[in-house]
Amino acid sequence: METLTISSFPYYSFEDEFMAYTVGSAFYGIYFVFSFPMFYWLEDNNSMTSWDSLVYASGCGMLILTSLDLVRLVLGIQLIVP
């Protein structure tokens, strides 16, 4: 839905709209695969310190970034850094 609403902005366009909607949504879904269980687990553990929460949240972020890059490599999408 986010991609669809962004596409109506006049200075924003996609080379391949189908890929933007499908692969973009899959990439966005990867965030939820790791973050929802992590937030549930962090909320359920009352004995954790702030430092423990920071370490586990950072680990979750790294899992997300690694998964995003892995999916990019499997799909054969080049990483272009300007």
C-alpha atoms as a PDB file:
ATOM      1  CA  MET A   1       0.000   0.000   0.000  1.00  0.00           C
ATOM      2  CA  GLU A   2       2.854   2.365   0.788  1.00  0.00           C
ATOM      3  CA  THR A   3       4.383   1.849  -2.665  1.00  0.00           C
ATOM      4  CA  LEU A   4       1.027   2.448  -4.313  1.00  0.00           C
ATOM      5  CA  THR A   5       0.494   5.739  -2.481  1.00  0.00           C
ATOM      6  CA  ILE A   6       4.045   6.924  -3.193  1.00  0.00           C
ATOM      7  CA  SER A   7       3.569   6.245  -6.908  1.00  0.00           C
ATOM      8  CA  SER A   8       0.999   9.036  -7.141  1.00  0.00           C
ATOM      9  CA  PHE A   9       3.672  11.637  -6.272  1.00  0.00           C
ATOM     10  CA  PRO A  10       4.503  13.374  -9.582  1.00  0.00           C
ATOM     11  CA  TYR A  11       8.314  13.284  -9.185  1.00  0.00           C
ATOM     12  CA  TYR A  12       8.489   9.619  -8.177  1.00  0.00           C
ATOM     13  CA  SER A  13       8.385   6.735 -10.646  1.00  0.00           C
ATOM     14  CA  PHE A  14       9.306   3.065 -10.995  1.00  0.00           C
ATOM     15  CA  GLU A  15      11.078   1.345 -13.875  1.00  0.00           C
ATOM     16  CA  ASP A  16       9.090  -1.840 -13.241  1.00  0.00           C
ATOM     17  CA  GLU A  17       5.889  -1.284 -11.268  1.00  0.00           C
ATOM     18  CA  PHE A  18       5.130  -5.002 -10.886  1.00  0.00           C
ATOM     19  CA  MET A  19       8.537  -5.628  -9.330  1.00  0.00           C
ATOM     20  CA  ALA A  20       8.160  -2.611  -7.066  1.00  0.00           C
ATOM     21  CA  TYR A  21       4.807  -3.838  -5.786  1.00  0.00           C
ATOM     22  CA  THR A  22       5.685  -7.520  -5.360  1.00  0.00           C
ATOM     23  CA  VAL A  23       9.359  -7.583  -4.399  1.00  0.00           C
ATOM     24  CA  GLY A  24       9.049  -4.312  -2.492  1.00  0.00           C
ATOM     25  CA  SER A  25       6.219  -5.756  -0.429  1.00  0.00           C
ATOM     26  CA  ALA A  26       8.218  -8.926   0.229  1.00  0.00           C
ATOM     27  CA  PHE A  27      11.201  -6.870   1.392  1.00  0.00           C
ATOM     28  CA  TYR A  28       8.917  -4.840   3.636  1.00  0.00           C
ATOM     29  CA  GLY A  29       7.468  -8.071   5.059  1.00  0.00           C
ATOM     30  CA  ILE A  30      10.938  -9.272   6.111  1.00  0.00           C
ATOM     31  CA  TYR A  31      10.961  -6.549   8.764  1.00  0.00           C
ATOM     32  CA  PHE A  32       7.830  -8.030  10.331  1.00  0.00           C
ATOM     33  CA  VAL A  33       9.088 -11.626  10.220  1.00  0.00           C
ATOM     34  CA  PHE A  34      11.819 -10.776  12.730  1.00  0.00           C
ATOM     35  CA  SER A  35      10.497  -7.721  14.549  1.00  0.00           C
ATOM     36  CA  PHE A  36       7.081  -8.989  15.709  1.00  0.00           C
ATOM     37  CA  PRO A  37       8.453 -12.068  17.515  1.00  0.00           C
ATOM     38  CA  MET A  38      11.305  -9.989  18.958  1.00  0.00           C
ATOM     39  CA  PHE A  39       8.995  -7.300  20.349  1.00  0.00           C
ATOM     40  CA  TYR A  40       6.728  -9.977  21.804  1.00  0.00           C
ATOM     41  CA  TRP A  41       9.714 -11.712  23.401  1.00  0.00           C
ATOM     42  CA  LEU A  42      11.154  -8.447  24.782  1.00  0.00           C
ATOM     43  CA  GLU A  43       7.804  -7.489  26.283  1.00  0.00           C
ATOM     44  CA  ASP A  44       7.316 -10.909  27.851  1.00  0.00           C
ATOM     45  CA  ASN A  45      10.693 -10.924  29.679  1.00  0.00           C
ATOM     46  CA  ASN A  46      10.297  -8.601  32.650  1.00  0.00           C
ATOM     47  CA  SER A  47      13.701  -9.415  34.137  1.00  0.00           C
ATOM     48  CA  MET A  48      15.701  -7.907  31.250  1.00  0.00           C
ATOM     49  CA  THR A  49      17.835  -4.825  31.731  1.00  0.00           C
ATOM     50  CA  SER A  50      17.921  -1.922  29.311  1.00  0.00           C
ATOM     51  CA  TRP A  51      21.308  -3.122  28.081  1.00  0.00           C
ATOM     52  CA  ASP A  52      19.903  -6.595  27.327  1.00  0.00           C
ATOM     53  CA  SER A  53      17.033  -5.031  25.406  1.00  0.00           C
ATOM     54  CA  LEU A  54      19.455  -2.923  23.381  1.00  0.00           C
ATOM     55  CA  VAL A  55      21.645  -5.918  22.545  1.00  0.00           C
ATOM     56  CA  TYR A  56      18.696  -8.115  21.484  1.00  0.00           C
ATOM     57  CA  ALA A  57      17.102  -5.314  19.450  1.00  0.00           C
ATOM     58  CA  SER A  58      20.431  -4.673  17.703  1.00  0.00           C
ATOM     59  CA  GLY A  59      20.725  -8.378  16.933  1.00  0.00           C
ATOM     60  CA  CYS A  60      17.232  -8.363  15.488  1.00  0.00           C
ATOM     61  CA  GLY A  61      18.161  -5.389  13.311  1.00  0.00           C
ATOM     62  CA  MET A  62      21.221  -7.243  12.047  1.00  0.00           C
ATOM     63  CA  LEU A  63      19.099 -10.313  11.232  1.00  0.00           C
ATOM     64  CA  ILE A  64      16.790  -8.083   9.217  1.00  0.00           C
ATOM     65  CA  LEU A  65      19.626  -6.427   7.282  1.00  0.00           C
ATOM     66  CA  THR A  66      21.278  -9.768   6.566  1.00  0.00           C
ATOM     67  CA  SER A  67      17.983 -11.256   5.393  1.00  0.00           C
ATOM     68  CA  LEU A  68      17.303  -8.294   3.119  1.00  0.00           C
ATOM     69  CA  ASP A  69      20.725  -8.656   1.519  1.00  0.00           C
ATOM     70  CA  LEU A  70      20.348 -12.427   1.190  1.00  0.00           C
ATOM     71  CA  VAL A  71      17.007 -12.062  -0.604  1.00  0.00           C
ATOM     72  CA  ARG A  72      18.526  -9.404  -2.862  1.00  0.00           C
ATOM     73  CA  LEU A  73      21.348 -11.775  -3.789  1.00  0.00           C
ATOM     74  CA  VAL A  74      18.979 -14.713  -4.407  1.00  0.00           C
ATOM     75  CA  LEU A  75      16.826 -12.558  -6.699  1.00  0.00           C
ATOM     76  CA  GLY A  76      19.927 -11.320  -8.540  1.00  0.00           C
ATOM     77  CA  ILE A  77      19.231  -7.645  -7.890  1.00  0.00           C
ATOM     78  CA  GLN A  78      22.355  -5.507  -8.208  1.00  0.00           C
ATOM     79  CA  LEU A  79      23.278  -3.146  -5.412  1.00  0.00           C
ATOM     80  CA  ILE A  80      23.912   0.222  -6.990  1.00  0.00           C
ATOM     81  CA  VAL A  81      25.348   2.833  -4.663  1.00  0.00           C
ATOM     82  CA  PRO A  82      25.588   6.306  -6.237  1.00  0.00           C
END
